[in-house]
């Protein structure tokens, strides 16, 4: 093999690596967002289940699920506080 063929193979492998990386990173972000939204939805469902005894409920939709998924327990507390402010209970 001559040097031009080796350089072409090296360039092809580098290009393949760059394309795979460009496609992998957004996929990783989408998977993480989906996972966080599912965890947030479950957390909100548990709050609604336990809060039913106290008259407390938070709507479960993609936005509230993502807020709860991103922020965790403080996000759920934020959603509950926002529910009280919007409902005029404060």
Protein backbone atom coordinates (compact mmCIF):
# COMPACT_ATOMS: atom_id res chain seq x y z
CA UNK A 1 0.00 0.00 0.00
CA UNK A 2 1.17 3.46 -0.75
CA UNK A 3 0.98 6.47 1.55
CA UNK A 4 -2.03 8.02 -0.20
CA UNK A 5 -4.16 4.94 0.51
CA UNK A 6 -3.19 4.94 4.19
CA UNK A 7 -4.00 8.66 4.48
CA UNK A 8 -7.35 8.09 2.75
CA UNK A 9 -8.23 5.28 5.18
CA UNK A 10 -7.21 7.43 8.17
CA UNK A 11 -9.28 10.34 6.88
CA UNK A 12 -12.27 8.03 6.33
CA UNK A 13 -12.02 6.67 9.87
CA UNK A 14 -11.77 10.19 11.27
CA UNK A 15 -14.79 11.29 9.23
CA UNK A 16 -16.75 8.23 10.39
CA UNK A 17 -15.89 9.07 14.02
CA UNK A 18 -17.02 12.69 13.62
CA UNK A 19 -20.32 11.71 11.97
CA UNK A 20 -21.03 9.09 14.65
CA UNK A 21 -20.28 11.61 17.40
CA UNK A 22 -22.54 14.26 15.83
CA UNK A 23 -25.40 11.75 15.64
CA UNK A 24 -24.78 10.21 19.08
CA UNK A 25 -24.78 13.35 21.23
CA UNK A 26 -28.31 14.56 20.31
CA UNK A 27 -29.63 11.03 20.71
CA UNK A 28 -28.10 10.88 24.19
CA UNK A 29 -29.78 14.19 25.11
CA UNK A 30 -33.16 13.00 23.81
CA UNK A 31 -32.90 9.75 25.77
CA UNK A 32 -31.99 11.65 28.94
CA UNK A 33 -34.91 14.08 28.49
CA UNK A 34 -37.30 11.18 27.96
CA UNK A 35 -36.00 9.38 31.05
CA UNK A 36 -36.31 12.53 33.17
CA UNK A 37 -39.85 13.15 31.90
CA UNK A 38 -40.89 9.59 32.83
CA UNK A 39 -39.37 9.92 36.29
CA UNK A 40 -41.05 13.31 36.72
CA UNK A 41 -44.41 11.88 35.66
CA UNK A 42 -44.10 9.04 38.16
CA UNK A 43 -43.12 11.49 40.88
CA UNK A 44 -46.12 13.68 40.05
CA UNK A 45 -48.38 10.63 40.03
CA UNK A 46 -47.16 9.73 43.53
CA UNK A 47 -47.77 13.30 44.70
CA UNK A 48 -51.29 13.18 43.27
CA UNK A 49 -51.87 9.78 44.86
CA UNK A 50 -50.75 10.91 48.31
CA UNK A 51 -52.13 14.43 47.89
CA UNK A 52 -55.61 13.10 47.17
CA UNK A 53 -56.07 12.73 50.91
CA UNK A 54 -55.33 16.42 51.41
CA UNK A 55 -57.07 17.85 48.34
CA UNK A 56 -53.77 18.42 46.54
CA UNK A 57 -53.34 17.70 42.84
CA UNK A 58 -50.99 18.77 40.07
CA UNK A 59 -51.84 18.17 36.42
CA UNK A 60 -49.54 15.71 34.70
CA UNK A 61 -48.54 16.89 31.24
CA UNK A 62 -45.22 16.96 29.36
CA UNK A 63 -44.21 20.36 30.75
CA UNK A 64 -44.84 19.49 34.40
CA UNK A 65 -43.22 16.08 33.92
CA UNK A 66 -40.08 17.69 32.47
CA UNK A 67 -39.95 20.29 35.27
CA UNK A 68 -40.23 17.54 37.87
CA UNK A 69 -37.72 15.41 35.96
CA UNK A 70 -35.14 18.18 35.64
CA UNK A 71 -35.45 19.63 39.11
CA UNK A 72 -36.51 16.54 41.07
CA UNK A 73 -38.16 17.11 44.44
CA UNK A 74 -37.61 20.91 44.38
CA UNK A 75 -39.36 20.94 40.99
CA UNK A 76 -42.37 19.12 42.42
CA UNK A 77 -42.48 21.56 45.33
CA UNK A 78 -42.27 24.42 42.81
CA UNK A 79 -45.17 22.96 40.83
CA UNK A 80 -47.26 22.57 43.99
CA UNK A 81 -46.51 26.17 45.01
CA UNK A 82 -47.35 27.37 41.51
CA UNK A 83 -50.62 25.42 41.65
CA UNK A 84 -51.55 27.19 44.88
CA UNK A 85 -50.64 30.63 43.48
CA UNK A 86 -52.56 30.10 40.22
CA UNK A 87 -55.57 28.64 42.01
CA UNK A 88 -55.65 31.67 44.32
CA UNK A 89 -55.31 29.72 47.54
CA UNK A 90 -52.55 31.96 48.87
